[in-house]
């Protein structure tokens, strides 16, 4: 009997309509979690080797911080219009070859 292993998965992380304030909270929270992940990763790498190469987490943290500013500017530009924002965030997971 053959066992099949699922090598792809999708998680519906966010799916909904939000006020600008709610959207800002959701996006900021998600980005902050990812930033904190990379900060902890960098700290872990440096714990055993203070000269560790932390270029990747450093660059990723800076990139995510920039994305947070861009998202906040976009949302703030819509606040006075009284519109809602739709956020559809799917996390796709697959096996690396």
PDB file of N, CA and C in Angstrom:
ATOM      1  N   UNK A   1       0.827  -1.166   0.000  1.00  0.00           N
ATOM      2  CA  UNK A   1       0.000   0.000   0.000  1.00  0.00           C
ATOM      3  C   UNK A   1       0.887   1.250   0.000  1.00  0.00           C
ATOM      4  N   UNK A   2       0.587   2.177  -0.861  1.00  0.00           N
ATOM      5  CA  UNK A   2       1.392   3.379  -1.009  1.00  0.00           C
ATOM      6  C   UNK A   2       0.796   4.520  -0.181  1.00  0.00           C
ATOM      7  N   UNK A   3       1.676   5.246   0.534  1.00  0.00           N
ATOM      8  CA  UNK A   3       1.239   6.381   1.335  1.00  0.00           C
ATOM      9  C   UNK A   3       1.580   7.664   0.589  1.00  0.00           C
ATOM     10  N   UNK A   4       0.587   8.518   0.423  1.00  0.00           N
ATOM     11  CA  UNK A   4       0.818   9.797  -0.224  1.00  0.00           C
ATOM     12  C   UNK A   4       1.069  10.860   0.834  1.00  0.00           C
ATOM     13  N   UNK A   5       2.097  11.657   0.593  1.00  0.00           N
ATOM     14  CA  UNK A   5       2.431  12.742   1.505  1.00  0.00           C
ATOM     15  C   UNK A   5       2.122  14.060   0.803  1.00  0.00           C
ATOM     16  N   UNK A   6       1.320  14.888   1.439  1.00  0.00           N
ATOM     17  CA  UNK A   6       0.986  16.202   0.892  1.00  0.00           C
ATOM     18  C   UNK A   6       2.224  17.094   0.985  1.00  0.00           C
ATOM     19  N   UNK A   7       2.673  17.631  -0.152  1.00  0.00           N
ATOM     20  CA  UNK A   7       3.877  18.455  -0.159  1.00  0.00           C
ATOM     21  C   UNK A   7       3.570  19.941  -0.301  1.00  0.00           C
ATOM     22  N   UNK A   8       2.292  20.274  -0.394  1.00  0.00           N
ATOM     23  CA  UNK A   8       1.890  21.671  -0.474  1.00  0.00           C
ATOM     24  C   UNK A   8       0.743  21.908   0.483  1.00  0.00           C
ATOM     25  N   UNK A   9       0.722  23.100   1.036  1.00  0.00           N
ATOM     26  CA  UNK A   9      -0.355  23.452   1.960  1.00  0.00           C
ATOM     27  C   UNK A   9      -0.597  24.942   1.875  1.00  0.00           C
ATOM     28  N   UNK A  10      -1.843  25.337   2.069  1.00  0.00           N
ATOM     29  CA  UNK A  10      -2.203  26.746   2.093  1.00  0.00           C
ATOM     30  C   UNK A  10      -2.919  27.028   3.400  1.00  0.00           C
ATOM     31  N   UNK A  11      -2.583  28.157   3.999  1.00  0.00           N
ATOM     32  CA  UNK A  11      -3.244  28.595   5.220  1.00  0.00           C
ATOM     33  C   UNK A  11      -3.825  29.974   4.956  1.00  0.00           C
ATOM     34  N   UNK A  12      -5.120  30.096   5.128  1.00  0.00           N
ATOM     35  CA  UNK A  12      -5.780  31.397   4.952  1.00  0.00           C
ATOM     36  C   UNK A  12      -5.518  32.200   6.218  1.00  0.00           C
ATOM     37  N   UNK A  13      -4.481  33.012   6.185  1.00  0.00           N
ATOM     38  CA  UNK A  13      -4.043  33.759   7.354  1.00  0.00           C
ATOM     39  C   UNK A  13      -4.949  34.946   7.656  1.00  0.00           C
ATOM     40  N   UNK A  14      -5.318  35.668   6.625  1.00  0.00           N
ATOM     41  CA  UNK A  14      -6.208  36.823   6.765  1.00  0.00           C
ATOM     42  C   UNK A  14      -7.174  36.803   5.593  1.00  0.00           C
ATOM     43  N   UNK A  15      -8.431  37.049   5.880  1.00  0.00           N
ATOM     44  CA  UNK A  15      -9.425  37.123   4.814  1.00  0.00           C
ATOM     45  C   UNK A  15     -10.593  37.944   5.331  1.00  0.00           C
ATOM     46  N   UNK A  16     -10.675  39.184   4.890  1.00  0.00           N
ATOM     47  CA  UNK A  16     -11.786  39.985   5.363  1.00  0.00           C
ATOM     48  C   UNK A  16     -11.747  41.420   4.898  1.00  0.00           C
ATOM     49  N   UNK A  17     -12.784  42.127   5.296  1.00  0.00           N
ATOM     50  CA  UNK A  17     -12.937  43.546   5.002  1.00  0.00           C
ATOM     51  C   UNK A  17     -12.692  44.305   6.302  1.00  0.00           C
ATOM     52  N   UNK A  18     -11.870  45.343   6.230  1.00  0.00           N
ATOM     53  CA  UNK A  18     -11.442  46.044   7.427  1.00  0.00           C
ATOM     54  C   UNK A  18     -11.541  47.555   7.252  1.00  0.00           C
ATOM     55  N   UNK A  19     -11.780  48.242   8.362  1.00  0.00           N
ATOM     56  CA  UNK A  19     -11.665  49.696   8.345  1.00  0.00           C
ATOM     57  C   UNK A  19     -10.171  50.007   8.203  1.00  0.00           C
ATOM     58  N   UNK A  20      -9.822  51.215   7.818  1.00  0.00           N
ATOM     59  CA  UNK A  20      -8.399  51.546   7.734  1.00  0.00           C
ATOM     60  C   UNK A  20      -7.651  51.293   9.050  1.00  0.00           C
ATOM     61  N   UNK A  21      -8.265  51.615  10.176  1.00  0.00           N
ATOM     62  CA  UNK A  21      -7.595  51.384  11.473  1.00  0.00           C
ATOM     63  C   UNK A  21      -7.371  49.898  11.728  1.00  0.00           C
ATOM     64  N   UNK A  22      -8.392  49.095  11.444  1.00  0.00           N
ATOM     65  CA  UNK A  22      -8.262  47.647  11.629  1.00  0.00           C
ATOM     66  C   UNK A  22      -7.204  47.072  10.683  1.00  0.00           C
ATOM     67  N   UNK A  23      -7.235  47.513   9.431  1.00  0.00           N
ATOM     68  CA  UNK A  23      -6.264  47.027   8.442  1.00  0.00           C
ATOM     69  C   UNK A  23      -4.846  47.379   8.870  1.00  0.00           C
ATOM     70  N   UNK A  24      -4.684  48.590   9.369  1.00  0.00           N
ATOM     71  CA  UNK A  24      -3.362  49.023   9.838  1.00  0.00           C
ATOM     72  C   UNK A  24      -2.895  48.135  10.991  1.00  0.00           C
ATOM     73  N   UNK A  25      -3.791  47.822  11.917  1.00  0.00           N
ATOM     74  CA  UNK A  25      -3.447  46.951  13.048  1.00  0.00           C
ATOM     75  C   UNK A  25      -3.061  45.549  12.581  1.00  0.00           C
ATOM     76  N   UNK A  26      -3.839  44.994  11.656  1.00  0.00           N
ATOM     77  CA  UNK A  26      -3.567  43.638  11.162  1.00  0.00           C
ATOM     78  C   UNK A  26      -2.215  43.587  10.449  1.00  0.00           C
ATOM     79  N   UNK A  27      -2.006  44.504   9.526  1.00  0.00           N
ATOM     80  CA  UNK A  27      -0.769  44.500   8.738  1.00  0.00           C
ATOM     81  C   UNK A  27       0.442  44.777   9.616  1.00  0.00           C
ATOM     82  N   UNK A  28       0.320  45.754  10.506  1.00  0.00           N
ATOM     83  CA  UNK A  28       1.435  46.080  11.397  1.00  0.00           C
ATOM     84  C   UNK A  28       1.775  44.902  12.299  1.00  0.00           C
ATOM     85  N   UNK A  29       0.762  44.234  12.823  1.00  0.00           N
ATOM     86  CA  UNK A  29       0.997  43.078  13.694  1.00  0.00           C
ATOM     87  C   UNK A  29       1.714  41.950  12.953  1.00  0.00           C
ATOM     88  N   UNK A  30       1.266  41.660  11.739  1.00  0.00           N
ATOM     89  CA  UNK A  30       1.899  40.593  10.957  1.00  0.00           C
ATOM     90  C   UNK A  30       3.357  40.938  10.639  1.00  0.00           C
ATOM     91  N   UNK A  31       3.590  42.172  10.209  1.00  0.00           N
ATOM     92  CA  UNK A  31       4.956  42.579   9.880  1.00  0.00           C
ATOM     93  C   UNK A  31       5.840  42.599  11.127  1.00  0.00           C
ATOM     94  N   UNK A  32       5.312  43.067  12.242  1.00  0.00           N
ATOM     95  CA  UNK A  32       6.098  43.088  13.476  1.00  0.00           C
ATOM     96  C   UNK A  32       6.478  41.683  13.923  1.00  0.00           C
ATOM     97  N   UNK A  33       5.571  40.724  13.748  1.00  0.00           N
ATOM     98  CA  UNK A  33       5.891  39.339  14.110  1.00  0.00           C
ATOM     99  C   UNK A  33       7.057  38.811  13.273  1.00  0.00           C
ATOM    100  N   UNK A  34       7.022  39.098  11.982  1.00  0.00           N
ATOM    101  CA  UNK A  34       8.091  38.633  11.091  1.00  0.00           C
ATOM    102  C   UNK A  34       9.409  39.346  11.403  1.00  0.00           C
ATOM    103  N   UNK A  35       9.340  40.637  11.705  1.00  0.00           N
ATOM    104  CA  UNK A  35      10.540  41.386  12.095  1.00  0.00           C
ATOM    105  C   UNK A  35      11.133  40.791  13.369  1.00  0.00           C
ATOM    106  N   UNK A  36      10.288  40.509  14.344  1.00  0.00           N
ATOM    107  CA  UNK A  36      10.769  39.909  15.597  1.00  0.00           C
ATOM    108  C   UNK A  36      11.390  38.543  15.370  1.00  0.00           C
ATOM    109  N   UNK A  37      10.826  37.769  14.451  1.00  0.00           N
ATOM    110  CA  UNK A  37      11.414  36.471  14.109  1.00  0.00           C
ATOM    111  C   UNK A  37      12.859  36.648  13.636  1.00  0.00           C
ATOM    112  N   UNK A  38      13.070  37.595  12.744  1.00  0.00           N
ATOM    113  CA  UNK A  38      14.419  37.811  12.209  1.00  0.00           C
ATOM    114  C   UNK A  38      15.366  38.394  13.259  1.00  0.00           C
ATOM    115  N   UNK A  39      14.851  39.207  14.160  1.00  0.00           N
ATOM    116  CA  UNK A  39      15.687  39.725  15.245  1.00  0.00           C
ATOM    117  C   UNK A  39      16.141  38.596  16.164  1.00  0.00           C
ATOM    118  N   UNK A  40      15.226  37.680  16.477  1.00  0.00           N
ATOM    119  CA  UNK A  40      15.595  36.530  17.304  1.00  0.00           C
ATOM    120  C   UNK A  40      16.567  35.612  16.576  1.00  0.00           C
ATOM    121  N   UNK A  41      16.361  35.446  15.282  1.00  0.00           N
ATOM    122  CA  UNK A  41      17.267  34.637  14.472  1.00  0.00           C
ATOM    123  C   UNK A  41      18.673  35.231  14.511  1.00  0.00           C
ATOM    124  N   UNK A  42      18.753  36.538  14.326  1.00  0.00           N
ATOM    125  CA  UNK A  42      20.047  37.235  14.349  1.00  0.00           C
ATOM    126  C   UNK A  42      20.706  37.076  15.719  1.00  0.00           C
ATOM    127  N   UNK A  43      19.933  37.245  16.784  1.00  0.00           N
ATOM    128  CA  UNK A  43      20.467  37.096  18.136  1.00  0.00           C
ATOM    129  C   UNK A  43      20.991  35.685  18.363  1.00  0.00           C
ATOM    130  N   UNK A  44      20.249  34.702  17.896  1.00  0.00           N
ATOM    131  CA  UNK A  44      20.650  33.302  18.045  1.00  0.00           C
ATOM    132  C   UNK A  44      21.965  33.034  17.320  1.00  0.00           C
ATOM    133  N   UNK A  45      22.101  33.577  16.121  1.00  0.00           N
ATOM    134  CA  UNK A  45      23.334  33.380  15.359  1.00  0.00           C
ATOM    135  C   UNK A  45      24.528  34.020  16.063  1.00  0.00           C
ATOM    136  N   UNK A  46      24.313  35.155  16.707  1.00  0.00           N
ATOM    137  CA  UNK A  46      25.404  35.891  17.342  1.00  0.00           C
ATOM    138  C   UNK A  46      25.753  35.341  18.719  1.00  0.00           C
ATOM    139  N   UNK A  47      24.849  34.571  19.309  1.00  0.00           N
ATOM    140  CA  UNK A  47      25.083  34.041  20.642  1.00  0.00           C
ATOM    141  C   UNK A  47      26.359  33.213  20.713  1.00  0.00           C
ATOM    142  N   UNK A  48      26.551  32.347  19.773  1.00  0.00           N
ATOM    143  CA  UNK A  48      27.735  31.498  19.773  1.00  0.00           C
ATOM    144  C   UNK A  48      28.904  32.096  19.019  1.00  0.00           C
ATOM    145  N   UNK A  49      28.627  33.098  18.203  1.00  0.00           N
ATOM    146  CA  UNK A  49      29.677  33.683  17.364  1.00  0.00           C
ATOM    147  C   UNK A  49      29.348  35.155  17.130  1.00  0.00           C
ATOM    148  N   UNK A  50      29.962  36.020  17.913  1.00  0.00           N
ATOM    149  CA  UNK A  50      29.618  37.439  17.809  1.00  0.00           C
ATOM    150  C   UNK A  50      30.016  38.046  16.459  1.00  0.00           C
ATOM    151  N   UNK A  51      30.829  37.339  15.701  1.00  0.00           N
ATOM    152  CA  UNK A  51      31.220  37.791  14.360  1.00  0.00           C
ATOM    153  C   UNK A  51      30.400  37.106  13.272  1.00  0.00           C
ATOM    154  N   UNK A  52      29.281  36.494  13.655  1.00  0.00           N
ATOM    155  CA  UNK A  52      28.445  35.772  12.690  1.00  0.00           C
ATOM    156  C   UNK A  52      27.957  36.716  11.600  1.00  0.00           C
ATOM    157  N   UNK A  53      27.781  36.169  10.423  1.00  0.00           N
ATOM    158  CA  UNK A  53      27.282  36.946   9.291  1.00  0.00           C
ATOM    159  C   UNK A  53      25.768  37.081   9.425  1.00  0.00           C
ATOM    160  N   UNK A  54      25.320  38.265   9.768  1.00  0.00           N
ATOM    161  CA  UNK A  54      23.882  38.503   9.951  1.00  0.00           C
ATOM    162  C   UNK A  54      23.326  39.358   8.817  1.00  0.00           C
ATOM    163  N   UNK A  55      23.971  39.318   7.674  1.00  0.00           N
ATOM    164  CA  UNK A  55      23.533  40.138   6.541  1.00  0.00           C
ATOM    165  C   UNK A  55      22.081  39.840   6.152  1.00  0.00           C
ATOM    166  N   UNK A  56      21.720  38.559   6.048  1.00  0.00           N
ATOM    167  CA  UNK A  56      20.364  38.228   5.616  1.00  0.00           C
ATOM    168  C   UNK A  56      19.305  38.755   6.577  1.00  0.00           C
ATOM    169  N   UNK A  57      19.367  38.430   7.888  1.00  0.00           N
ATOM    170  CA  UNK A  57      18.320  38.961   8.762  1.00  0.00           C
ATOM    171  C   UNK A  57      18.343  40.488   8.845  1.00  0.00           C
ATOM    172  N   UNK A  58      19.538  41.093   8.788  1.00  0.00           N
ATOM    173  CA  UNK A  58      19.619  42.562   8.820  1.00  0.00           C
ATOM    174  C   UNK A  58      18.890  43.175   7.624  1.00  0.00           C
ATOM    175  N   UNK A  59      19.139  42.622   6.447  1.00  0.00           N
ATOM    176  CA  UNK A  59      18.498  43.139   5.233  1.00  0.00           C
ATOM    177  C   UNK A  59      16.995  42.881   5.243  1.00  0.00           C
ATOM    178  N   UNK A  60      16.607  41.715   5.739  1.00  0.00           N
ATOM    179  CA  UNK A  60      15.179  41.371   5.773  1.00  0.00           C
ATOM    180  C   UNK A  60      14.418  42.263   6.758  1.00  0.00           C
ATOM    181  N   UNK A  61      15.036  42.546   7.900  1.00  0.00           N
ATOM    182  CA  UNK A  61      14.421  43.442   8.884  1.00  0.00           C
ATOM    183  C   UNK A  61      14.223  44.823   8.266  1.00  0.00           C
ATOM    184  N   UNK A  62      15.242  45.344   7.599  1.00  0.00           N
ATOM    185  CA  UNK A  62      15.151  46.661   6.960  1.00  0.00           C
ATOM    186  C   UNK A  62      14.068  46.667   5.881  1.00  0.00           C
ATOM    187  N   UNK A  63      13.999  45.591   5.100  1.00  0.00           N
ATOM    188  CA  UNK A  63      12.986  45.483   4.042  1.00  0.00           C
ATOM    189  C   UNK A  63      11.573  45.477   4.628  1.00  0.00           C
ATOM    190  N   UNK A  64      11.375  44.723   5.682  1.00  0.00           N
ATOM    191  CA  UNK A  64      10.055  44.647   6.313  1.00  0.00           C
ATOM    192  C   UNK A  64       9.673  45.968   6.975  1.00  0.00           C
ATOM    193  N   UNK A  65      10.644  46.663   7.549  1.00  0.00           N
ATOM    194  CA  UNK A  65      10.384  47.984   8.132  1.00  0.00           C
ATOM    195  C   UNK A  65       9.940  48.965   7.037  1.00  0.00           C
ATOM    196  N   UNK A  66      10.590  48.895   5.869  1.00  0.00           N
ATOM    197  CA  UNK A  66      10.190  49.753   4.743  1.00  0.00           C
ATOM    198  C   UNK A  66       8.774  49.418   4.281  1.00  0.00           C
ATOM    199  N   UNK A  67       8.455  48.134   4.203  1.00  0.00           N
ATOM    200  CA  UNK A  67       7.117  47.704   3.794  1.00  0.00           C
ATOM    201  C   UNK A  67       6.056  48.193   4.780  1.00  0.00           C
ATOM    202  N   UNK A  68       6.407  48.210   6.044  1.00  0.00           N
ATOM    203  CA  UNK A  68       5.473  48.688   7.062  1.00  0.00           C
ATOM    204  C   UNK A  68       5.170  50.177   6.853  1.00  0.00           C
ATOM    205  N   UNK A  69       6.194  50.966   6.550  1.00  0.00           N
ATOM    206  CA  UNK A  69       6.005  52.392   6.286  1.00  0.00           C
ATOM    207  C   UNK A  69       5.134  52.593   5.046  1.00  0.00           C
ATOM    208  N   UNK A  70       5.414  51.842   3.987  1.00  0.00           N
ATOM    209  CA  UNK A  70       4.643  51.953   2.740  1.00  0.00           C
ATOM    210  C   UNK A  70       3.179  51.602   2.992  1.00  0.00           C
ATOM    211  N   UNK A  71       2.937  50.515   3.712  1.00  0.00           N
ATOM    212  CA  UNK A  71       1.565  50.105   4.008  1.00  0.00           C
ATOM    213  C   UNK A  71       0.846  51.162   4.843  1.00  0.00           C
ATOM    214  N   UNK A  72       1.515  51.693   5.838  1.00  0.00           N
ATOM    215  CA  UNK A  72       0.895  52.718   6.686  1.00  0.00           C
ATOM    216  C   UNK A  72       0.579  53.983   5.898  1.00  0.00           C
ATOM    217  N   UNK A  73       1.482  54.384   5.006  1.00  0.00           N
ATOM    218  CA  UNK A  73       1.231  55.571   4.180  1.00  0.00           C
ATOM    219  C   UNK A  73       0.027  55.337   3.266  1.00  0.00           C
ATOM    220  N   UNK A  74      -0.052  54.167   2.681  1.00  0.00           N
ATOM    221  CA  UNK A  74      -1.177  53.835   1.803  1.00  0.00           C
ATOM    222  C   UNK A  74      -2.493  53.873   2.566  1.00  0.00           C
ATOM    223  N   UNK A  75      -2.521  53.210   3.714  1.00  0.00           N
ATOM    224  CA  UNK A  75      -3.743  53.164   4.517  1.00  0.00           C
ATOM    225  C   UNK A  75      -4.127  54.551   5.022  1.00  0.00           C
ATOM    226  N   UNK A  76      -3.150  55.311   5.488  1.00  0.00           N
ATOM    227  CA  UNK A  76      -3.438  56.662   5.986  1.00  0.00           C
ATOM    228  C   UNK A  76      -3.997  57.565   4.895  1.00  0.00           C
ATOM    229  N   UNK A  77      -3.594  57.336   3.654  1.00  0.00           N
ATOM    230  CA  UNK A  77      -4.111  58.153   2.554  1.00  0.00           C
ATOM    231  C   UNK A  77      -5.590  57.873   2.287  1.00  0.00           C
ATOM    232  N   UNK A  78      -6.097  56.744   2.772  1.00  0.00           N
ATOM    233  CA  UNK A  78      -7.487  56.354   2.545  1.00  0.00           C
ATOM    234  C   UNK A  78      -8.399  56.615   3.738  1.00  0.00           C
ATOM    235  N   UNK A  79      -7.842  56.958   4.860  1.00  0.00           N
ATOM    236  CA  UNK A  79      -8.630  57.127   6.091  1.00  0.00           C
ATOM    237  C   UNK A  79      -9.772  58.126   5.923  1.00  0.00           C
ATOM    238  N   UNK A  80      -9.522  59.246   5.281  1.00  0.00           N
ATOM    239  CA  UNK A  80     -10.543  60.296   5.172  1.00  0.00           C
ATOM    240  C   UNK A  80     -11.646  59.953   4.176  1.00  0.00           C
ATOM    241  N   UNK A  81     -11.435  58.935   3.355  1.00  0.00           N
ATOM    242  CA  UNK A  81     -12.423  58.563   2.347  1.00  0.00           C
ATOM    243  C   UNK A  81     -13.524  57.658   2.891  1.00  0.00           C
ATOM    244  N   UNK A  82     -13.345  57.151   4.092  1.00  0.00           N
ATOM    245  CA  UNK A  82     -14.367  56.299   4.695  1.00  0.00           C
ATOM    246  C   UNK A  82     -14.535  54.951   4.016  1.00  0.00           C
ATOM    247  N   UNK A  83     -13.526  54.503   3.299  1.00  0.00           N
ATOM    248  CA  UNK A  83     -13.615  53.212   2.601  1.00  0.00           C
ATOM    249  C   UNK A  83     -13.057  52.098   3.468  1.00  0.00           C
ATOM    250  N   UNK A  84     -13.470  50.888   3.134  1.00  0.00           N
ATOM    251  CA  UNK A  84     -12.962  49.695   3.799  1.00  0.00           C
ATOM    252  C   UNK A  84     -11.901  49.055   2.904  1.00  0.00           C
ATOM    253  N   UNK A  85     -11.049  48.293   3.509  1.00  0.00           N
ATOM    254  CA  UNK A  85      -9.974  47.624   2.780  1.00  0.00           C
ATOM    255  C   UNK A  85     -10.169  46.117   2.858  1.00  0.00           C
ATOM    256  N   UNK A  86      -9.934  45.454   1.773  1.00  0.00           N
ATOM    257  CA  UNK A  86     -10.025  43.992   1.714  1.00  0.00           C
ATOM    258  C   UNK A  86      -8.604  43.441   1.809  1.00  0.00           C
ATOM    259  N   UNK A  87      -8.393  42.538   2.736  1.00  0.00           N
ATOM    260  CA  UNK A  87      -7.089  41.887   2.890  1.00  0.00           C
ATOM    261  C   UNK A  87      -7.282  40.400   2.689  1.00  0.00           C
ATOM    262  N   UNK A  88      -6.510  39.841   1.781  1.00  0.00           N
ATOM    263  CA  UNK A  88      -6.536  38.417   1.488  1.00  0.00           C
ATOM    264  C   UNK A  88      -5.099  37.924   1.599  1.00  0.00           C
ATOM    265  N   UNK A  89      -4.792  37.275   2.683  1.00  0.00           N
ATOM    266  CA  UNK A  89      -3.427  36.810   2.907  1.00  0.00           C
ATOM    267  C   UNK A  89      -3.371  35.305   3.023  1.00  0.00           C
ATOM    268  N   UNK A  90      -2.801  34.690   2.012  1.00  0.00           N
ATOM    269  CA  UNK A  90      -2.666  33.237   2.003  1.00  0.00           C
ATOM    270  C   UNK A  90      -1.197  32.889   2.201  1.00  0.00           C
ATOM    271  N   UNK A  91      -0.934  32.044   3.155  1.00  0.00           N
ATOM    272  CA  UNK A  91       0.405  31.551   3.406  1.00  0.00           C
ATOM    273  C   UNK A  91       0.545  30.239   2.640  1.00  0.00           C
ATOM    274  N   UNK A  92       1.456  30.196   1.684  1.00  0.00           N
ATOM    275  CA  UNK A  92       1.658  28.998   0.880  1.00  0.00           C
ATOM    276  C   UNK A  92       2.912  28.264   1.372  1.00  0.00           C
ATOM    277  N   UNK A  93       2.752  26.998   1.655  1.00  0.00           N
ATOM    278  CA  UNK A  93       3.848  26.169   2.145  1.00  0.00           C
ATOM    279  C   UNK A  93       4.081  25.035   1.157  1.00  0.00           C
ATOM    280  N   UNK A  94       5.329  24.825   0.783  1.00  0.00           N
ATOM    281  CA  UNK A  94       5.642  23.703  -0.107  1.00  0.00           C
ATOM    282  C   UNK A  94       7.001  23.129   0.243  1.00  0.00           C
ATOM    283  N   UNK A  95       7.183  21.911  -0.137  1.00  0.00           N
ATOM    284  CA  UNK A  95       8.421  21.188   0.106  1.00  0.00           C
ATOM    285  C   UNK A  95       9.499  21.689  -0.850  1.00  0.00           C
ATOM    286  N   UNK A  96      10.663  22.042  -0.312  1.00  0.00           N
ATOM    287  CA  UNK A  96      11.769  22.473  -1.163  1.00  0.00           C
ATOM    288  C   UNK A  96      12.424  21.263  -1.803  1.00  0.00           C
ATOM    289  N   UNK A  97      12.734  21.423  -3.046  1.00  0.00           N
ATOM    290  CA  UNK A  97      13.390  20.319  -3.780  1.00  0.00           C
ATOM    291  C   UNK A  97      14.874  20.360  -3.556  1.00  0.00           C
TER     292      UNK A  97
END
